[in-house]
């Protein structure tokens, strides 16, 4: 498994090439590098499924089933995002070679940081890798250099870095408690092993700090206000990565630490997760009803789905499979949603929902893509998100969490109405414009690549993928 090191090394190499020698060839080098990362990540998942968890460097780097799943999702979205960037960024930069060079330099550095997060075993290094994903994506959020983009980038930077600082205090408490309990390695497994020997008050405070701090980076209510701005102003391929996988990777770190905070007398950690998750889901669901920008529509949907995932964590062990399944289906579907939004933006030149009508007649590719993406992310059958949401609701009922499941189902229904209310208005009716610009071939190819798994996994779940999902679900409880 020595080739696993190439996963972050490939985008780092592409970033160095972009810095040294700019040119159109960097686009294809980025696509090739991300395709190589995808092939390697598939091999990692197969290895974990057959051999179990493994370490690359004892106590520092390694992968279990949960980490390998996140690695695969990251590599998948990196590849589709790179393909979408081929024509989209060329048109966005309008022939400015320096702007395109800057994009691919920052894009590849961002990819390297994303791929590094699930490979970390050492807790402090994980925090550093997470923070690098934020710092390196700030430049991409403000890439278009408009007033709105720069404002969104600054808001994103200030709020998420403040959140990271708060979370760091929680990390310091845990590591201090680990040393007091006799732990020598500062890994996730060591924290879980020595957690019962740590002071309950210390663990409670650390939980609050990490949930609030990283909750800001995930986009949980009430510290979510940066997310709709940043995820709507960034270039479309970057939006797909930010909403599809970056926030999920931060949630992954919370998931890895969650077993440390369970089994504390008098501390209902799962109830707190349900409250925070439902607050985010409900707030986002009602905000979806009144949004006016279709990229912000999908950004608020990210807040909703992060709330669903946090609620799922609170539903207990029965919801473990549904939780990791929803992580996967949301990542794949949200990237599709932003790719669809990106081609619509190219076709109509505006993000204003009220200004877009009759997409099916104006540009059938855009109309079909946006309708499919809207139905998929809203949770309609036969798309994959419907399966994961149904699995979570069923698990919650089996756990006896009737009030939580009832509220969750209600909020999901409101969000469905909110998303489809806007999508229907944009897709059907008579178009405002008579013609639309020709779409880049790479964008159309990406739509097909992104839609295929979203539809396929809603109809059939391959046995090898089920195996890795079940193993990842077992990791939620702290099992190696």
Protein backbone atom coordinates (compact mmCIF):
# COMPACT_ATOMS: atom_id res chain seq x y z
CA UNK A 1 0.00 0.00 0.00
CA UNK A 2 2.97 2.33 -0.43
CA UNK A 3 1.21 3.93 -3.41
CA UNK A 4 -1.38 5.43 -1.03
CA UNK A 5 1.09 8.27 -0.47
CA UNK A 6 0.43 9.33 -4.06
CA UNK A 7 -3.14 10.35 -3.21
CA UNK A 8 -2.22 13.80 -1.85
CA UNK A 9 1.09 13.82 -3.78
CA UNK A 10 -0.60 13.84 -7.21
CA UNK A 11 -2.45 17.14 -6.72
CA UNK A 12 0.60 18.60 -4.97
CA UNK A 13 2.66 17.76 -8.04
CA UNK A 14 0.06 19.35 -10.31
CA UNK A 15 0.09 22.49 -8.13
CA UNK A 16 3.87 22.73 -8.44
CA UNK A 17 3.61 22.31 -12.20
CA UNK A 18 0.98 25.06 -12.38
CA UNK A 19 3.24 27.38 -10.40
CA UNK A 20 6.34 26.69 -12.50
CA UNK A 21 4.97 26.48 -16.02
CA UNK A 22 1.46 27.79 -16.70
CA UNK A 23 -0.41 26.61 -19.77
CA UNK A 24 -3.46 24.78 -21.06
CA UNK A 25 -1.76 21.46 -20.33
CA UNK A 26 -2.29 22.05 -16.60
CA UNK A 27 -6.01 21.43 -17.11
CA UNK A 28 -5.35 17.93 -18.42
CA UNK A 29 -2.63 17.25 -15.87
CA UNK A 30 -5.18 18.04 -13.15
CA UNK A 31 -7.75 15.71 -14.68
CA UNK A 32 -5.15 12.95 -15.04
CA UNK A 33 -3.97 13.41 -11.46
CA UNK A 34 -7.47 13.29 -10.03
CA UNK A 35 -8.26 10.20 -12.11
CA UNK A 36 -5.15 8.56 -10.69
CA UNK A 37 -6.28 9.49 -7.16
CA UNK A 38 -9.68 7.95 -7.88
CA UNK A 39 -8.14 4.66 -9.04
CA UNK A 40 -5.88 4.55 -5.97
CA UNK A 41 -8.78 5.29 -3.62
CA UNK A 42 -10.79 2.43 -5.13
CA UNK A 43 -7.83 0.14 -4.46
CA UNK A 44 -7.66 1.42 -0.87
CA UNK A 45 -11.35 0.62 -0.31
CA UNK A 46 -10.86 -2.88 -1.74
CA UNK A 47 -7.86 -3.42 0.54
CA UNK A 48 -9.72 -2.25 3.64
CA UNK A 49 -12.73 -4.41 2.75
CA UNK A 50 -10.55 -7.51 2.49
CA UNK A 51 -7.86 -6.88 5.13
CA UNK A 52 -9.42 -4.40 7.53
CA UNK A 53 -7.84 -1.18 8.78
CA UNK A 54 -4.14 -0.58 8.12
CA UNK A 55 -1.49 1.97 9.06
CA UNK A 56 0.99 3.66 6.76
CA UNK A 57 3.15 5.00 9.57
CA UNK A 58 2.43 3.75 13.08
CA UNK A 59 0.41 6.29 15.07
CA UNK A 60 0.48 8.91 12.31
CA UNK A 61 -1.26 7.85 9.11
CA UNK A 62 -3.70 5.05 8.36
CA UNK A 63 -7.16 4.17 7.11
CA UNK A 64 -10.12 2.23 8.41
CA UNK A 65 -13.39 1.58 6.56
CA UNK A 66 -14.91 4.94 7.51
CA UNK A 67 -11.80 6.88 6.47
CA UNK A 68 -11.48 4.93 3.22
CA UNK A 69 -15.10 5.74 2.35
CA UNK A 70 -14.46 9.45 2.82
CA UNK A 71 -11.26 9.12 0.81
CA UNK A 72 -13.15 7.50 -2.06
CA UNK A 73 -15.83 10.20 -2.02
CA UNK A 74 -13.19 12.93 -1.98
CA UNK A 75 -11.34 11.42 -4.94
CA UNK A 76 -14.58 10.92 -6.87
CA UNK A 77 -15.67 14.53 -6.47
CA UNK A 78 -12.14 15.74 -7.19
CA UNK A 79 -12.21 13.95 -10.54
CA UNK A 80 -15.65 15.19 -11.63
CA UNK A 81 -14.80 18.70 -10.44
CA UNK A 82 -11.57 18.66 -12.47
CA UNK A 83 -13.44 17.53 -15.59
CA UNK A 84 -16.08 20.24 -15.12
CA UNK A 85 -13.32 22.82 -14.68
CA UNK A 86 -11.91 22.14 -18.17
CA UNK A 87 -14.36 24.28 -20.10
CA UNK A 88 -15.98 26.16 -17.25
CA UNK A 89 -12.84 27.87 -15.92
CA UNK A 90 -11.61 28.65 -19.42
CA UNK A 91 -14.86 30.48 -20.08
CA UNK A 92 -14.90 32.05 -16.60
CA UNK A 93 -11.36 33.39 -16.95
CA UNK A 94 -12.16 34.70 -20.46
CA UNK A 95 -8.72 33.92 -21.84
CA UNK A 96 -6.79 35.30 -18.85
CA UNK A 97 -3.91 32.82 -18.55
CA UNK A 98 -2.79 34.25 -15.20
CA UNK A 99 -6.27 33.79 -13.69
CA UNK A 100 -6.45 30.21 -14.97
CA UNK A 101 -2.99 29.49 -13.56
CA UNK A 102 -4.05 30.89 -10.19
CA UNK A 103 -7.19 28.76 -10.23
CA UNK A 104 -5.40 25.46 -10.93
CA UNK A 105 -2.65 26.20 -8.43
CA UNK A 106 -5.12 26.80 -5.61
CA UNK A 107 -7.48 24.07 -6.82
CA UNK A 108 -4.81 21.37 -6.64
CA UNK A 109 -3.53 22.54 -3.25
CA UNK A 110 -7.09 22.40 -1.96
CA UNK A 111 -7.49 18.86 -3.31
CA UNK A 112 -4.29 17.76 -1.58
CA UNK A 113 -5.55 19.04 1.78
CA UNK A 114 -8.94 17.33 1.31
CA UNK A 115 -7.30 13.98 0.52
CA UNK A 116 -5.01 14.28 3.54
CA UNK A 117 -7.77 14.65 6.16
CA UNK A 118 -9.08 11.03 6.24
CA UNK A 119 -5.52 9.65 6.15
CA UNK A 120 -4.57 11.20 9.49
CA UNK A 121 -4.49 9.14 12.69
CA UNK A 122 -2.79 11.76 14.84
CA UNK A 123 -5.45 14.08 16.29
CA UNK A 124 -3.51 17.36 16.21
CA UNK A 125 -2.41 16.73 12.62
CA UNK A 126 -6.03 16.14 11.69
CA UNK A 127 -6.92 19.58 13.04
CA UNK A 128 -4.08 21.06 10.96
CA UNK A 129 -5.27 19.27 7.81
CA UNK A 130 -8.84 20.46 8.36
CA UNK A 131 -7.65 24.02 8.78
CA UNK A 132 -5.61 23.76 5.60
CA UNK A 133 -8.77 22.86 3.68
CA UNK A 134 -10.26 26.16 4.85
CA UNK A 135 -7.20 28.33 4.24
CA UNK A 136 -6.57 26.93 0.77
CA UNK A 137 -10.21 27.20 -0.32
CA UNK A 138 -10.55 30.86 0.72
CA UNK A 139 -8.65 31.91 -2.41
CA UNK A 140 -10.99 29.84 -4.56
CA UNK A 141 -14.12 31.33 -3.00
CA UNK A 142 -12.90 34.81 -3.94
CA UNK A 143 -11.58 33.73 -7.35
CA UNK A 144 -13.96 35.86 -9.44
CA UNK A 145 -12.71 38.97 -7.60
CA UNK A 146 -16.14 40.61 -7.45
CA UNK A 147 -17.30 42.52 -4.41
CA UNK A 148 -19.73 39.72 -3.49
CA UNK A 149 -17.09 37.00 -3.91
CA UNK A 150 -14.49 38.83 -1.83
CA UNK A 151 -17.03 39.60 0.90
CA UNK A 152 -18.05 35.92 0.97
CA UNK A 153 -14.39 34.85 1.16
CA UNK A 154 -13.69 37.16 4.10
CA UNK A 155 -16.84 36.07 5.92
CA UNK A 156 -15.91 32.46 5.30
CA UNK A 157 -12.39 33.03 6.59
CA UNK A 158 -13.32 34.93 9.75
CA UNK A 159 -16.16 32.69 10.96
CA UNK A 160 -14.58 29.34 10.16
CA UNK A 161 -11.14 30.25 11.51
CA UNK A 162 -12.82 31.46 14.72
CA UNK A 163 -14.61 28.11 14.82
CA UNK A 164 -11.35 26.26 14.33
CA UNK A 165 -9.83 28.18 17.24
CA UNK A 166 -12.71 27.19 19.52
CA UNK A 167 -12.40 23.57 18.38
CA UNK A 168 -8.64 23.67 19.04
CA UNK A 169 -9.36 24.37 22.71
CA UNK A 170 -11.44 21.20 22.81
CA UNK A 171 -8.61 19.26 21.16
CA UNK A 172 -6.13 20.58 23.71
CA UNK A 173 -8.38 19.49 26.58
CA UNK A 174 -8.70 15.99 25.13
CA UNK A 175 -4.97 15.62 24.58
CA UNK A 176 -4.24 16.91 28.08
CA UNK A 177 -6.76 14.44 29.51
CA UNK A 178 -5.18 11.68 27.42
CA UNK A 179 -1.74 12.39 28.88
CA UNK A 180 -3.16 12.46 32.40
CA UNK A 181 -4.84 9.09 31.81
CA UNK A 182 -1.54 7.53 30.74
CA UNK A 183 -1.88 7.63 26.96
CA UNK A 184 1.31 8.00 24.97
CA UNK A 185 0.02 8.09 21.37
CA UNK A 186 -2.19 11.03 20.42
CA UNK A 187 -4.42 9.09 18.03
CA UNK A 188 -8.18 8.70 17.69
CA UNK A 189 -8.01 5.08 18.89
CA UNK A 190 -5.97 6.10 21.95
CA UNK A 191 -8.53 8.76 22.86
CA UNK A 192 -11.35 6.24 22.63
CA UNK A 193 -9.39 3.67 24.67
CA UNK A 194 -8.47 6.07 27.49
CA UNK A 195 -11.73 8.07 27.49
CA UNK A 196 -13.22 6.24 30.52
CA UNK A 197 -10.18 7.29 32.58
CA UNK A 198 -10.61 10.97 31.72
CA UNK A 199 -12.55 13.38 33.95
CA UNK A 200 -16.22 13.57 32.86
CA UNK A 201 -16.23 17.37 33.17
CA UNK A 202 -13.25 17.63 30.85
CA UNK A 203 -14.92 15.46 28.24
CA UNK A 204 -18.17 17.45 28.46
CA UNK A 205 -16.39 20.76 27.96
CA UNK A 206 -14.30 19.35 25.10
CA UNK A 207 -17.47 18.09 23.40
CA UNK A 208 -19.12 21.50 23.64
CA UNK A 209 -16.05 23.30 22.27
CA UNK A 210 -15.55 20.88 19.37
CA UNK A 211 -19.24 20.79 18.44
CA UNK A 212 -19.49 24.59 18.45
CA UNK A 213 -16.12 25.14 16.78
CA UNK A 214 -16.32 22.52 14.08
CA UNK A 215 -20.08 23.04 13.89
CA UNK A 216 -19.30 26.50 12.54
CA UNK A 217 -17.13 24.92 9.85
CA UNK A 218 -19.80 22.32 9.04
CA UNK A 219 -22.45 25.04 8.76
CA UNK A 220 -24.70 24.11 11.68
CA UNK A 221 -27.27 26.65 12.86
CA UNK A 222 -26.77 29.31 14.25
CA UNK A 223 -23.17 29.56 12.96
CA UNK A 224 -24.12 28.78 9.38
CA UNK A 225 -24.39 32.25 7.88
CA UNK A 226 -21.09 32.09 5.98
CA UNK A 227 -22.00 28.92 4.11
CA UNK A 228 -24.70 30.21 1.71
CA UNK A 229 -22.45 33.14 0.76
CA UNK A 230 -19.24 31.14 0.23
CA UNK A 231 -20.88 28.15 -1.45
CA UNK A 232 -22.77 30.38 -3.87
CA UNK A 233 -19.98 32.79 -4.81
CA UNK A 234 -17.23 30.24 -5.46
CA UNK A 235 -16.76 28.86 -8.99
CA UNK A 236 -19.08 25.93 -9.63
CA UNK A 237 -16.43 23.14 -9.47
CA UNK A 238 -15.29 24.53 -6.12
CA UNK A 239 -18.90 24.71 -4.87
CA UNK A 240 -19.23 21.00 -5.63
CA UNK A 241 -16.20 20.27 -3.45
CA UNK A 242 -17.14 22.66 -0.64
CA UNK A 243 -20.73 21.46 -0.27
CA UNK A 244 -20.17 17.92 -1.44
CA UNK A 245 -17.16 16.86 0.61
CA UNK A 246 -15.34 19.57 2.61
CA UNK A 247 -18.10 20.03 5.19
CA UNK A 248 -18.54 16.25 5.33
CA UNK A 249 -14.84 15.78 6.08
CA UNK A 250 -15.13 18.13 9.05
CA UNK A 251 -18.15 16.15 10.22
CA UNK A 252 -15.98 13.04 9.78
CA UNK A 253 -13.60 14.36 12.45
CA UNK A 254 -16.52 14.89 14.84
CA UNK A 255 -17.65 11.33 14.09
CA UNK A 256 -14.18 9.93 14.87
CA UNK A 257 -14.22 11.75 18.23
CA UNK A 258 -17.84 10.94 19.14
CA UNK A 259 -17.07 7.64 20.99
CA UNK A 260 -14.91 9.68 23.39
CA UNK A 261 -18.01 11.54 24.61
CA UNK A 262 -20.43 8.65 25.01
CA UNK A 263 -21.15 6.83 28.28
CA UNK A 264 -20.71 9.93 30.48
CA UNK A 265 -23.09 9.70 33.43
CA UNK A 266 -25.73 12.42 33.33
CA UNK A 267 -24.63 13.70 29.92
CA UNK A 268 -27.14 12.89 27.11
CA UNK A 269 -24.75 13.45 24.21
CA UNK A 270 -27.11 11.85 21.68
CA UNK A 271 -29.97 14.10 22.77
CA UNK A 272 -27.76 17.16 22.25
CA UNK A 273 -26.88 15.97 18.76
CA UNK A 274 -30.55 15.51 17.91
CA UNK A 275 -31.41 19.01 19.15
CA UNK A 276 -28.56 20.65 17.20
CA UNK A 277 -29.28 18.57 14.10
CA UNK A 278 -33.02 19.26 14.08
CA UNK A 279 -32.41 22.99 14.63
CA UNK A 280 -30.18 23.08 11.55
CA UNK A 281 -32.50 20.93 9.45
CA UNK A 282 -35.60 22.90 10.38
CA UNK A 283 -34.04 26.34 9.96
CA UNK A 284 -32.59 25.47 6.56
CA UNK A 285 -35.86 23.86 5.41
CA UNK A 286 -37.83 27.06 5.97
CA UNK A 287 -35.06 29.25 4.52
CA UNK A 288 -35.28 27.18 1.35
CA UNK A 289 -38.82 28.48 0.85
CA UNK A 290 -37.72 32.08 0.44
CA UNK A 291 -34.31 31.92 -1.27
CA UNK A 292 -33.84 33.96 -4.48
CA UNK A 293 -30.50 32.65 -5.81
CA UNK A 294 -30.42 29.09 -7.19
CA UNK A 295 -26.82 28.51 -6.07
CA UNK A 296 -27.80 29.66 -2.57
CA UNK A 297 -30.73 27.25 -2.85
CA UNK A 298 -28.32 24.33 -3.00
CA UNK A 299 -26.09 25.91 -0.35
CA UNK A 300 -28.97 26.06 2.13
CA UNK A 301 -29.70 22.46 1.18
CA UNK A 302 -26.21 21.65 2.46
CA UNK A 303 -27.10 23.16 5.85
CA UNK A 304 -30.23 21.01 5.84
CA UNK A 305 -28.37 17.80 5.05
CA UNK A 306 -25.62 18.46 7.58
CA UNK A 307 -28.43 18.84 10.11
CA UNK A 308 -29.88 15.52 8.98
CA UNK A 309 -26.50 13.84 9.47
CA UNK A 310 -26.00 15.29 12.96
CA UNK A 311 -29.53 14.18 13.86
CA UNK A 312 -28.68 10.72 12.52
CA UNK A 313 -25.64 10.56 14.80
CA UNK A 314 -27.97 11.21 17.71
CA UNK A 315 -30.34 8.42 16.76
CA UNK A 316 -27.88 5.80 17.99
CA UNK A 317 -26.22 2.66 16.68
CA UNK A 318 -29.27 1.52 14.72
CA UNK A 319 -28.83 4.53 12.42
CA UNK A 320 -25.12 3.89 11.78
CA UNK A 321 -25.56 2.34 8.34
CA UNK A 322 -28.03 5.03 7.30
CA UNK A 323 -25.63 7.73 8.48
CA UNK A 324 -22.68 6.62 6.36
CA UNK A 325 -25.03 5.89 3.46
CA UNK A 326 -26.38 9.44 3.67
CA UNK A 327 -22.85 10.86 3.78
CA UNK A 328 -22.21 9.11 0.48
CA UNK A 329 -25.51 9.91 -1.23
CA UNK A 330 -25.40 13.57 -0.18
CA UNK A 331 -21.83 14.05 -1.41
CA UNK A 332 -22.58 12.56 -4.82
CA UNK A 333 -25.92 14.31 -5.19
CA UNK A 334 -24.81 17.73 -3.99
CA UNK A 335 -21.96 17.78 -6.50
CA UNK A 336 -24.50 16.98 -9.23
CA UNK A 337 -26.72 19.82 -7.97
CA UNK A 338 -23.94 22.39 -8.25
CA UNK A 339 -22.84 21.13 -11.66
CA UNK A 340 -26.43 21.57 -12.82
CA UNK A 341 -26.51 25.05 -11.31
CA UNK A 342 -23.23 25.82 -13.06
CA UNK A 343 -24.50 24.96 -16.54
CA UNK A 344 -27.69 26.92 -15.90
CA UNK A 345 -25.57 29.93 -14.93
CA UNK A 346 -23.61 29.56 -18.18
CA UNK A 347 -26.86 29.33 -20.14
CA UNK A 348 -28.76 32.26 -18.62
CA UNK A 349 -26.03 34.45 -17.10
CA UNK A 350 -27.86 35.06 -13.81
CA UNK A 351 -28.36 33.31 -10.47
CA UNK A 352 -31.71 35.01 -9.85
CA UNK A 353 -34.45 32.40 -9.66
CA UNK A 354 -37.17 34.85 -10.73
CA UNK A 355 -35.29 35.63 -13.96
CA UNK A 356 -35.09 32.01 -15.13
CA UNK A 357 -38.06 30.35 -16.81
CA UNK A 358 -38.61 27.60 -19.36
CA UNK A 359 -35.21 25.94 -19.16
CA UNK A 360 -36.53 22.78 -20.79
CA UNK A 361 -37.37 24.78 -23.90
CA UNK A 362 -34.44 27.18 -23.76
CA UNK A 363 -31.77 24.52 -23.16
CA UNK A 364 -33.00 20.94 -22.68
CA UNK A 365 -29.67 19.78 -21.20
CA UNK A 366 -29.86 22.45 -18.50
CA UNK A 367 -33.54 21.81 -17.88
CA UNK A 368 -33.19 18.04 -17.48
CA UNK A 369 -30.04 18.38 -15.37
CA UNK A 370 -31.57 20.92 -12.99
CA UNK A 371 -34.83 18.97 -12.65
CA UNK A 372 -32.98 15.72 -11.95
CA UNK A 373 -30.63 17.41 -9.48
CA UNK A 374 -33.52 19.11 -7.68
CA UNK A 375 -35.50 15.90 -7.35
CA UNK A 376 -32.40 13.99 -6.27
CA UNK A 377 -31.22 16.38 -3.55
CA UNK A 378 -34.77 16.91 -2.29
CA UNK A 379 -35.05 13.16 -1.67
CA UNK A 380 -37.41 11.94 -4.38
CA UNK A 381 -37.33 8.31 -5.55
CA UNK A 382 -35.67 6.63 -7.36
CA UNK A 383 -32.60 8.70 -6.47
CA UNK A 384 -30.02 7.69 -3.85
CA UNK A 385 -30.86 10.34 -1.21
CA UNK A 386 -34.38 8.91 -0.92
CA UNK A 387 -32.90 5.54 0.08
CA UNK A 388 -30.59 7.01 2.74
CA UNK A 389 -33.26 9.29 4.21
CA UNK A 390 -35.75 6.40 4.32
CA UNK A 391 -33.10 4.24 6.04
CA UNK A 392 -32.52 6.92 8.69
CA UNK A 393 -36.24 7.39 9.38
CA UNK A 394 -36.69 3.64 9.72
CA UNK A 395 -33.70 3.39 12.07
CA UNK A 396 -35.03 6.22 14.24
CA UNK A 397 -38.38 4.46 14.58
CA UNK A 398 -36.65 1.22 15.55
CA UNK A 399 -34.75 3.18 18.24
CA UNK A 400 -38.04 4.54 19.56
CA UNK A 401 -37.12 8.18 18.79
CA UNK A 402 -40.63 8.96 17.55
CA UNK A 403 -40.70 12.70 18.23
CA UNK A 404 -37.28 13.23 16.66
CA UNK A 405 -38.19 11.16 13.59
CA UNK A 406 -41.50 12.98 13.25
CA UNK A 407 -39.83 16.39 13.27
CA UNK A 408 -37.08 15.19 10.94
CA UNK A 409 -39.61 13.82 8.44
CA UNK A 410 -41.60 17.08 8.62
CA UNK A 411 -38.53 19.22 7.97
CA UNK A 412 -37.46 16.98 5.08
CA UNK A 413 -40.92 17.42 3.56
CA UNK A 414 -40.73 21.21 3.94
CA UNK A 415 -37.28 21.21 2.33
CA UNK A 416 -38.62 19.09 -0.54
CA UNK A 417 -41.38 21.62 -1.16
CA UNK A 418 -38.92 24.50 -0.92
CA UNK A 419 -36.47 23.04 -3.43
CA UNK A 420 -39.05 21.84 -5.95
CA UNK A 421 -41.08 25.05 -5.74
CA UNK A 422 -38.13 26.97 -7.17
CA UNK A 423 -36.93 24.25 -9.53
CA UNK A 424 -40.38 23.86 -11.14
CA UNK A 425 -40.60 27.59 -11.82
CA UNK A 426 -37.18 27.59 -13.47
CA UNK A 427 -37.58 24.45 -15.55
CA UNK A 428 -41.13 24.76 -16.90
CA UNK A 429 -43.04 27.55 -18.63
CA UNK A 430 -41.92 29.88 -21.38
CA UNK A 431 -38.28 31.02 -21.48
CA UNK A 432 -37.41 34.68 -21.04
CA UNK A 433 -34.57 34.46 -23.58
CA UNK A 434 -34.84 33.01 -27.08
CA UNK A 435 -31.41 31.35 -27.16
CA UNK A 436 -28.64 30.36 -24.76
CA UNK A 437 -24.86 30.00 -25.18
CA UNK A 438 -23.37 26.66 -26.16
CA UNK A 439 -22.34 24.60 -23.14
CA UNK A 440 -18.76 23.30 -22.83
CA UNK A 441 -18.54 19.61 -23.71
CA UNK A 442 -16.67 18.94 -20.46
CA UNK A 443 -19.61 20.32 -18.46
CA UNK A 444 -22.09 18.02 -20.22
CA UNK A 445 -19.79 15.01 -19.70
CA UNK A 446 -19.53 15.86 -16.00
CA UNK A 447 -23.32 16.00 -15.68
CA UNK A 448 -23.52 12.45 -17.03
CA UNK A 449 -20.69 11.24 -14.76
CA UNK A 450 -22.33 12.84 -11.71
CA UNK A 451 -25.90 11.73 -12.46
CA UNK A 452 -25.07 8.07 -13.14
CA UNK A 453 -24.16 7.01 -9.54
CA UNK A 454 -26.95 9.12 -8.03
CA UNK A 455 -29.53 7.25 -10.08
CA UNK A 456 -27.81 3.85 -10.04
CA UNK A 457 -27.39 3.74 -6.24
CA UNK A 458 -31.05 4.62 -5.84
CA UNK A 459 -31.95 1.46 -7.73
CA UNK A 460 -29.22 -0.99 -6.74
CA UNK A 461 -26.53 -1.21 -4.08
CA UNK A 462 -23.56 -3.41 -5.09
CA UNK A 463 -22.52 -5.98 -2.50
CA UNK A 464 -18.89 -4.73 -2.17
CA UNK A 465 -20.16 -1.21 -1.48
CA UNK A 466 -22.64 -2.53 1.09
CA UNK A 467 -19.77 -4.32 2.83
CA UNK A 468 -17.64 -1.18 3.14
CA UNK A 469 -20.67 0.83 4.33
CA UNK A 470 -21.42 -1.74 7.03
CA UNK A 471 -17.78 -1.70 8.14
CA UNK A 472 -17.80 2.11 8.17
CA UNK A 473 -20.97 2.05 10.26
CA UNK A 474 -19.20 -0.19 12.78
CA UNK A 475 -16.40 2.42 13.02
CA UNK A 476 -18.93 5.00 14.27
CA UNK A 477 -18.88 3.34 17.69
CA UNK A 478 -15.08 3.47 17.88
CA UNK A 479 -14.42 -0.02 16.54
CA UNK A 480 -11.10 -0.17 14.62
